[in-house]
Amino acid sequence: MRPLPISAETAIKLAEQLNIPIENLMHMPQHILLQKLAELAKNEPVNNSDPNINKETQASTTEPKK
């Protein structure tokens, strides 16, 4: 099995978030990592403070139809 195709910075952040050693993360099967990320996303509160997301949403809903 080959290591995950992620950058070193991403691997460090993921290992910290998942509380696992980076070596385990890099050799973790991709489907297991996706499961863990989904669990992490469920437990994390939704943060809608990104101004770009709100602007895009507002722009798409307020544009007049031609």
PDB file of N, CA and C in Angstrom:
ATOM      1  N   MET A   1       0.848  -1.175   0.000  1.00  0.00           N
ATOM      2  CA  MET A   1       0.000   0.000   0.000  1.00  0.00           C
ATOM      3  C   MET A   1       0.892   1.237   0.000  1.00  0.00           C
ATOM      4  N   ARG A   2       0.533   2.217  -0.814  1.00  0.00           N
ATOM      5  CA  ARG A   2       1.331   3.430  -0.892  1.00  0.00           C
ATOM      6  C   ARG A   2       0.813   4.477   0.096  1.00  0.00           C
ATOM      7  N   PRO A   3       1.658   5.413   0.476  1.00  0.00           N
ATOM      8  CA  PRO A   3       1.219   6.481   1.388  1.00  0.00           C
ATOM      9  C   PRO A   3       0.149   7.358   0.749  1.00  0.00           C
ATOM     10  N   LEU A   4      -0.619   8.040   1.570  1.00  0.00           N
ATOM     11  CA  LEU A   4      -1.660   8.929   1.066  1.00  0.00           C
ATOM     12  C   LEU A   4      -1.047  10.087   0.282  1.00  0.00           C
ATOM     13  N   PRO A   5      -1.676  10.495  -0.797  1.00  0.00           N
ATOM     14  CA  PRO A   5      -1.151  11.609  -1.594  1.00  0.00           C
ATOM     15  C   PRO A   5      -1.599  12.964  -1.035  1.00  0.00           C
ATOM     16  N   ILE A   6      -1.108  13.299   0.162  1.00  0.00           N
ATOM     17  CA  ILE A   6      -1.428  14.587   0.777  1.00  0.00           C
ATOM     18  C   ILE A   6      -0.128  15.290   1.132  1.00  0.00           C
ATOM     19  N   SER A   7      -0.191  16.599   1.261  1.00  0.00           N
ATOM     20  CA  SER A   7       1.012  17.370   1.579  1.00  0.00           C
ATOM     21  C   SER A   7       1.404  17.147   3.043  1.00  0.00           C
ATOM     22  N   ALA A   8       2.638  17.498   3.347  1.00  0.00           N
ATOM     23  CA  ALA A   8       3.133  17.350   4.712  1.00  0.00           C
ATOM     24  C   ALA A   8       2.338  18.223   5.679  1.00  0.00           C
ATOM     25  N   GLU A   9       2.001  19.439   5.262  1.00  0.00           N
ATOM     26  CA  GLU A   9       1.233  20.341   6.124  1.00  0.00           C
ATOM     27  C   GLU A   9      -0.151  19.766   6.421  1.00  0.00           C
ATOM     28  N   THR A  10      -0.786  19.219   5.402  1.00  0.00           N
ATOM     29  CA  THR A  10      -2.102  18.614   5.578  1.00  0.00           C
ATOM     30  C   THR A  10      -2.012  17.410   6.495  1.00  0.00           C
ATOM     31  N   ALA A  11      -0.995  16.593   6.323  1.00  0.00           N
ATOM     32  CA  ALA A  11      -0.818  15.408   7.161  1.00  0.00           C
ATOM     33  C   ALA A  11      -0.630  15.798   8.630  1.00  0.00           C
ATOM     34  N   ILE A  12       0.148  16.833   8.873  1.00  0.00           N
ATOM     35  CA  ILE A  12       0.378  17.277  10.254  1.00  0.00           C
ATOM     36  C   ILE A  12      -0.922  17.757  10.880  1.00  0.00           C
ATOM     37  N   LYS A  13      -1.696  18.557  10.136  1.00  0.00           N
ATOM     38  CA  LYS A  13      -2.963  19.072  10.661  1.00  0.00           C
ATOM     39  C   LYS A  13      -3.956  17.944  10.915  1.00  0.00           C
ATOM     40  N   LEU A  14      -4.036  16.995   9.988  1.00  0.00           N
ATOM     41  CA  LEU A  14      -4.953  15.874  10.161  1.00  0.00           C
ATOM     42  C   LEU A  14      -4.560  15.003  11.355  1.00  0.00           C
ATOM     43  N   ALA A  15      -3.270  14.743  11.500  1.00  0.00           N
ATOM     44  CA  ALA A  15      -2.802  13.923  12.623  1.00  0.00           C
ATOM     45  C   ALA A  15      -3.144  14.592  13.950  1.00  0.00           C
ATOM     46  N   GLU A  16      -3.002  15.910  14.012  1.00  0.00           N
ATOM     47  CA  GLU A  16      -3.353  16.628  15.238  1.00  0.00           C
ATOM     48  C   GLU A  16      -4.857  16.567  15.492  1.00  0.00           C
ATOM     49  N   GLN A  17      -5.654  16.763  14.447  1.00  0.00           N
ATOM     50  CA  GLN A  17      -7.113  16.751  14.598  1.00  0.00           C
ATOM     51  C   GLN A  17      -7.633  15.376  15.007  1.00  0.00           C
ATOM     52  N   LEU A  18      -7.032  14.331  14.438  1.00  0.00           N
ATOM     53  CA  LEU A  18      -7.488  12.970  14.713  1.00  0.00           C
ATOM     54  C   LEU A  18      -6.807  12.341  15.926  1.00  0.00           C
ATOM     55  N   ASN A  19      -5.824  13.047  16.486  1.00  0.00           N
ATOM     56  CA  ASN A  19      -5.076  12.547  17.650  1.00  0.00           C
ATOM     57  C   ASN A  19      -4.416  11.202  17.384  1.00  0.00           C
ATOM     58  N   ILE A  20      -3.750  11.097  16.229  1.00  0.00           N
ATOM     59  CA  ILE A  20      -3.019   9.877  15.890  1.00  0.00           C
ATOM     60  C   ILE A  20      -1.620  10.264  15.420  1.00  0.00           C
ATOM     61  N   PRO A  21      -0.659   9.365  15.552  1.00  0.00           N
ATOM     62  CA  PRO A  21       0.686   9.664  15.045  1.00  0.00           C
ATOM     63  C   PRO A  21       0.668   9.847  13.530  1.00  0.00           C
ATOM     64  N   ILE A  22       1.513  10.722  13.049  1.00  0.00           N
ATOM     65  CA  ILE A  22       1.538  11.027  11.603  1.00  0.00           C
ATOM     66  C   ILE A  22       1.913   9.796  10.778  1.00  0.00           C
ATOM     67  N   GLU A  23       2.737   8.915  11.342  1.00  0.00           N
ATOM     68  CA  GLU A  23       3.116   7.688  10.621  1.00  0.00           C
ATOM     69  C   GLU A  23       1.885   6.812  10.388  1.00  0.00           C
ATOM     70  N   ASN A  24       1.019   6.723  11.401  1.00  0.00           N
ATOM     71  CA  ASN A  24      -0.202   5.933  11.237  1.00  0.00           C
ATOM     72  C   ASN A  24      -1.120   6.563  10.199  1.00  0.00           C
ATOM     73  N   LEU A  25      -1.188   7.886  10.206  1.00  0.00           N
ATOM     74  CA  LEU A  25      -2.036   8.580   9.248  1.00  0.00           C
ATOM     75  C   LEU A  25      -1.582   8.322   7.818  1.00  0.00           C
ATOM     76  N   MET A  26      -0.287   8.419   7.580  1.00  0.00           N
ATOM     77  CA  MET A  26       0.229   8.291   6.219  1.00  0.00           C
ATOM     78  C   MET A  26       0.051   6.885   5.643  1.00  0.00           C
ATOM     79  N   HIS A  27      -0.060   5.886   6.501  1.00  0.00           N
ATOM     80  CA  HIS A  27      -0.222   4.505   6.024  1.00  0.00           C
ATOM     81  C   HIS A  27      -1.628   3.977   6.255  1.00  0.00           C
ATOM     82  N   MET A  28      -2.540   4.882   6.614  1.00  0.00           N
ATOM     83  CA  MET A  28      -3.930   4.492   6.853  1.00  0.00           C
ATOM     84  C   MET A  28      -4.631   4.310   5.505  1.00  0.00           C
ATOM     85  N   PRO A  29      -5.429   3.263   5.363  1.00  0.00           N
ATOM     86  CA  PRO A  29      -6.194   3.105   4.120  1.00  0.00           C
ATOM     87  C   PRO A  29      -7.105   4.310   3.904  1.00  0.00           C
ATOM     88  N   GLN A  30      -7.269   4.701   2.665  1.00  0.00           N
ATOM     89  CA  GLN A  30      -8.010   5.914   2.349  1.00  0.00           C
ATOM     90  C   GLN A  30      -9.464   5.843   2.827  1.00  0.00           C
ATOM     91  N   HIS A  31     -10.099   4.681   2.718  1.00  0.00           N
ATOM     92  CA  HIS A  31     -11.500   4.596   3.135  1.00  0.00           C
ATOM     93  C   HIS A  31     -11.643   4.750   4.656  1.00  0.00           C
ATOM     94  N   ILE A  32     -10.653   4.319   5.418  1.00  0.00           N
ATOM     95  CA  ILE A  32     -10.672   4.491   6.869  1.00  0.00           C
ATOM     96  C   ILE A  32     -10.491   5.976   7.205  1.00  0.00           C
ATOM     97  N   LEU A  33      -9.574   6.635   6.518  1.00  0.00           N
ATOM     98  CA  LEU A  33      -9.351   8.062   6.743  1.00  0.00           C
ATOM     99  C   LEU A  33     -10.621   8.852   6.437  1.00  0.00           C
ATOM    100  N   LEU A  34     -11.299   8.516   5.362  1.00  0.00           N
ATOM    101  CA  LEU A  34     -12.537   9.210   5.015  1.00  0.00           C
ATOM    102  C   LEU A  34     -13.601   9.006   6.084  1.00  0.00           C
ATOM    103  N   GLN A  35     -13.673   7.799   6.663  1.00  0.00           N
ATOM    104  CA  GLN A  35     -14.613   7.545   7.757  1.00  0.00           C
ATOM    105  C   GLN A  35     -14.291   8.425   8.957  1.00  0.00           C
ATOM    106  N   LYS A  36     -13.019   8.505   9.310  1.00  0.00           N
ATOM    107  CA  LYS A  36     -12.602   9.308  10.454  1.00  0.00           C
ATOM    108  C   LYS A  36     -12.864  10.791  10.213  1.00  0.00           C
ATOM    109  N   LEU A  37     -12.636  11.256   8.988  1.00  0.00           N
ATOM    110  CA  LEU A  37     -12.914  12.649   8.667  1.00  0.00           C
ATOM    111  C   LEU A  37     -14.411  12.947   8.736  1.00  0.00           C
ATOM    112  N   ALA A  38     -15.236  11.997   8.309  1.00  0.00           N
ATOM    113  CA  ALA A  38     -16.686  12.177   8.391  1.00  0.00           C
ATOM    114  C   ALA A  38     -17.128  12.255   9.847  1.00  0.00           C
ATOM    115  N   GLU A  39     -16.567  11.406  10.705  1.00  0.00           N
ATOM    116  CA  GLU A  39     -16.892  11.445  12.130  1.00  0.00           C
ATOM    117  C   GLU A  39     -16.455  12.771  12.748  1.00  0.00           C
ATOM    118  N   LEU A  40     -15.284  13.237  12.357  1.00  0.00           N
ATOM    119  CA  LEU A  40     -14.764  14.505  12.855  1.00  0.00           C
ATOM    120  C   LEU A  40     -15.673  15.661  12.423  1.00  0.00           C
ATOM    121  N   ALA A  41     -16.140  15.617  11.191  1.00  0.00           N
ATOM    122  CA  ALA A  41     -17.017  16.675  10.681  1.00  0.00           C
ATOM    123  C   ALA A  41     -18.363  16.670  11.406  1.00  0.00           C
ATOM    124  N   LYS A  42     -18.874  15.498  11.760  1.00  0.00           N
ATOM    125  CA  LYS A  42     -20.135  15.418  12.496  1.00  0.00           C
ATOM    126  C   LYS A  42     -20.001  16.039  13.882  1.00  0.00           C
ATOM    127  N   ASN A  43     -18.866  15.805  14.535  1.00  0.00           N
ATOM    128  CA  ASN A  43     -18.662  16.285  15.887  1.00  0.00           C
ATOM    129  C   ASN A  43     -18.288  17.757  15.951  1.00  0.00           C
ATOM    130  N   GLU A  44     -17.840  18.316  14.837  1.00  0.00           N
ATOM    131  CA  GLU A  44     -17.399  19.707  14.810  1.00  0.00           C
ATOM    132  C   GLU A  44     -18.595  20.610  14.548  1.00  0.00           C
ATOM    133  N   PRO A  45     -18.752  21.675  15.333  1.00  0.00           N
ATOM    134  CA  PRO A  45     -19.882  22.587  15.091  1.00  0.00           C
ATOM    135  C   PRO A  45     -19.717  23.308  13.755  1.00  0.00           C
ATOM    136  N   VAL A  46     -20.818  23.614  13.122  1.00  0.00           N
ATOM    137  CA  VAL A  46     -20.796  24.288  11.833  1.00  0.00           C
ATOM    138  C   VAL A  46     -20.395  25.738  12.051  1.00  0.00           C
ATOM    139  N   ASN A  47     -19.420  26.204  11.266  1.00  0.00           N
ATOM    140  CA  ASN A  47     -18.938  27.571  11.384  1.00  0.00           C
ATOM    141  C   ASN A  47     -19.168  28.267  10.047  1.00  0.00           C
ATOM    142  N   ASN A  48     -20.153  29.136  10.001  1.00  0.00           N
ATOM    143  CA  ASN A  48     -20.481  29.845   8.760  1.00  0.00           C
ATOM    144  C   ASN A  48     -19.888  31.244   8.738  1.00  0.00           C
ATOM    145  N   SER A  49     -18.729  31.416   9.328  1.00  0.00           N
ATOM    146  CA  SER A  49     -18.139  32.742   9.399  1.00  0.00           C
ATOM    147  C   SER A  49     -17.302  33.083   8.171  1.00  0.00           C
ATOM    148  N   ASP A  50     -17.201  32.196   7.205  1.00  0.00           N
ATOM    149  CA  ASP A  50     -16.427  32.470   5.999  1.00  0.00           C
ATOM    150  C   ASP A  50     -17.196  33.458   5.130  1.00  0.00           C
ATOM    151  N   PRO A  51     -16.679  34.683   4.985  1.00  0.00           N
ATOM    152  CA  PRO A  51     -17.433  35.692   4.225  1.00  0.00           C
ATOM    153  C   PRO A  51     -17.602  35.341   2.759  1.00  0.00           C
ATOM    154  N   ASN A  52     -16.689  34.580   2.169  1.00  0.00           N
ATOM    155  CA  ASN A  52     -16.812  34.211   0.754  1.00  0.00           C
ATOM    156  C   ASN A  52     -18.003  33.311   0.508  1.00  0.00           C
ATOM    157  N   ILE A  53     -18.259  32.399   1.433  1.00  0.00           N
ATOM    158  CA  ILE A  53     -19.397  31.495   1.279  1.00  0.00           C
ATOM    159  C   ILE A  53     -20.693  32.291   1.314  1.00  0.00           C
ATOM    160  N   ASN A  54     -20.816  33.187   2.262  1.00  0.00           N
ATOM    161  CA  ASN A  54     -22.032  33.974   2.383  1.00  0.00           C
ATOM    162  C   ASN A  54     -22.254  34.868   1.172  1.00  0.00           C
ATOM    163  N   LYS A  55     -21.203  35.468   0.637  1.00  0.00           N
ATOM    164  CA  LYS A  55     -21.337  36.331  -0.533  1.00  0.00           C
ATOM    165  C   LYS A  55     -21.792  35.532  -1.742  1.00  0.00           C
ATOM    166  N   GLU A  56     -21.225  34.337  -1.937  1.00  0.00           N
ATOM    167  CA  GLU A  56     -21.613  33.510  -3.073  1.00  0.00           C
ATOM    168  C   GLU A  56     -23.065  33.088  -2.959  1.00  0.00           C
ATOM    169  N   THR A  57     -23.481  32.720  -1.760  1.00  0.00           N
ATOM    170  CA  THR A  57     -24.858  32.291  -1.549  1.00  0.00           C
ATOM    171  C   THR A  57     -25.818  33.442  -1.792  1.00  0.00           C
ATOM    172  N   GLN A  58     -25.501  34.623  -1.267  1.00  0.00           N
ATOM    173  CA  GLN A  58     -26.356  35.774  -1.446  1.00  0.00           C
ATOM    174  C   GLN A  58     -26.407  36.197  -2.901  1.00  0.00           C
ATOM    175  N   ALA A  59     -25.283  36.159  -3.585  1.00  0.00           N
ATOM    176  CA  ALA A  59     -25.236  36.574  -4.981  1.00  0.00           C
ATOM    177  C   ALA A  59     -26.103  35.662  -5.853  1.00  0.00           C
ATOM    178  N   SER A  60     -26.076  34.376  -5.571  1.00  0.00           N
ATOM    179  CA  SER A  60     -26.844  33.447  -6.398  1.00  0.00           C
ATOM    180  C   SER A  60     -28.338  33.535  -6.121  1.00  0.00           C
ATOM    181  N   THR A  61     -28.716  33.999  -4.924  1.00  0.00           N
ATOM    182  CA  THR A  61     -30.148  34.060  -4.604  1.00  0.00           C
ATOM    183  C   THR A  61     -30.752  35.419  -4.873  1.00  0.00           C
ATOM    184  N   THR A  62     -29.924  36.473  -5.013  1.00  0.00           N
ATOM    185  CA  THR A  62     -30.466  37.820  -5.194  1.00  0.00           C
ATOM    186  C   THR A  62     -30.344  38.347  -6.611  1.00  0.00           C
ATOM    187  N   GLU A  63     -29.754  37.591  -7.509  1.00  0.00           N
ATOM    188  CA  GLU A  63     -29.608  38.055  -8.872  1.00  0.00           C
ATOM    189  C   GLU A  63     -30.978  37.993  -9.573  1.00  0.00           C
ATOM    190  N   PRO A  64     -31.359  39.078 -10.247  1.00  0.00           N
ATOM    191  CA  PRO A  64     -32.654  39.037 -10.958  1.00  0.00           C
ATOM    192  C   PRO A  64     -32.574  38.121 -12.181  1.00  0.00           C
ATOM    193  N   LYS A  65     -33.690  37.479 -12.445  1.00  0.00           N
ATOM    194  CA  LYS A  65     -33.744  36.597 -13.620  1.00  0.00           C
ATOM    195  C   LYS A  65     -34.031  37.413 -14.862  1.00  0.00           C
ATOM    196  N   LYS A  66     -33.405  37.026 -15.969  1.00  0.00           N
ATOM    197  CA  LYS A  66     -33.575  37.769 -17.227  1.00  0.00           C
ATOM    198  C   LYS A  66     -34.578  37.078 -18.124  1.00  0.00           C
TER     199      LYS A  66
END
